[in-house]
Amino acid sequence: MTLRILFFAVWSATTLVAAQGAPRKEYLQRGEHERDTYDRALRRLLPEAWREDVVLRAVVIASFQKEEVFGIRRVGNAYRAFSVCPTSQIWDQEVKRLSRKTPDFSKIRRIYKERPLTSELVERIASVWRAVINNSANYRDQGIVLDGTRVYFSVRARPAERIAAHAAIYADGSLSLHLFRTALALGSFAEGLPEAEFEKELRKAEKRVGVRPEHKRSNQSMKLTAGSLVASLPFVRTLPVLATRHPARRSLSPSR
């Protein structure tokens, strides 16, 4: 799976250095991905990410890397964390339309993994995302953005709830960066990251956003069961290209 980050070492250090001496800015924009031919290709090739039972979703579109979607779906009264990605970048084919060629998606397959998740952790991560997405102070024009990573967040964990926002991700200590980190941790959890490690990242986001969990942490840690689709893996993901700004031209990146 793409986007493997050496999370607690290289990128964390980079983020802290980049954030020092500069005021934090928020660049959220409202809504989900534009309903264009690229969006239709994503939905057709990664259908699990857009099922009706999905209550939380992060669509990660990084320049020069495969798309990935991390999320949570409700199965009866239970929840499952999932990650899904294509075997090759969908945009590599979609971009052919710019030169009036026909994309060929026939060789693209998907890799899907999921794992049970407690309802307590679902509500905690949803609360963090709500706090950031529902705060109007976190929205402003990003200007022209060149390449990098754009993430589309959506939450529909409560009755009639449907909130969504997206942002280019910068290593600047922004709240959208913390949402991105929780999304990556969620994807790693679906692959087998120990629950304690996932919760550790979630606690960091809660502290940064200012959200306090409503329930005390259970002493019983969820273990991988026979129904889990993956084995335990270390929490490592490759560093995606972070967003950059340019005053003169606009990128043809899929994240724009």
Foldseek 3Di string as FASTA:
>chain_A
DAQWAPPPPDLVVVLVVQQPPDDDAFAKDWDFDDPDPLVVVCCVQFVVQPDPQWFKKKWKAAPPAWIKMWGWGDDPPWIKTKIKTKPGHPVVQVVVVVVPDHGDCPPIHMDMFMFTDGPLVVVLLLVLVCLQQVDPRNHDHPAAKAGAMKMKIWGHPDVPDTTIIMDFDDSRLYLVVLNVQLRLLSHLVRQAEFPVVSVVSSVVSCVSSVHDRPDDDDPDGDDTDPPGDHYHDYRTHHHGGGMDGDNPDHYPGPND
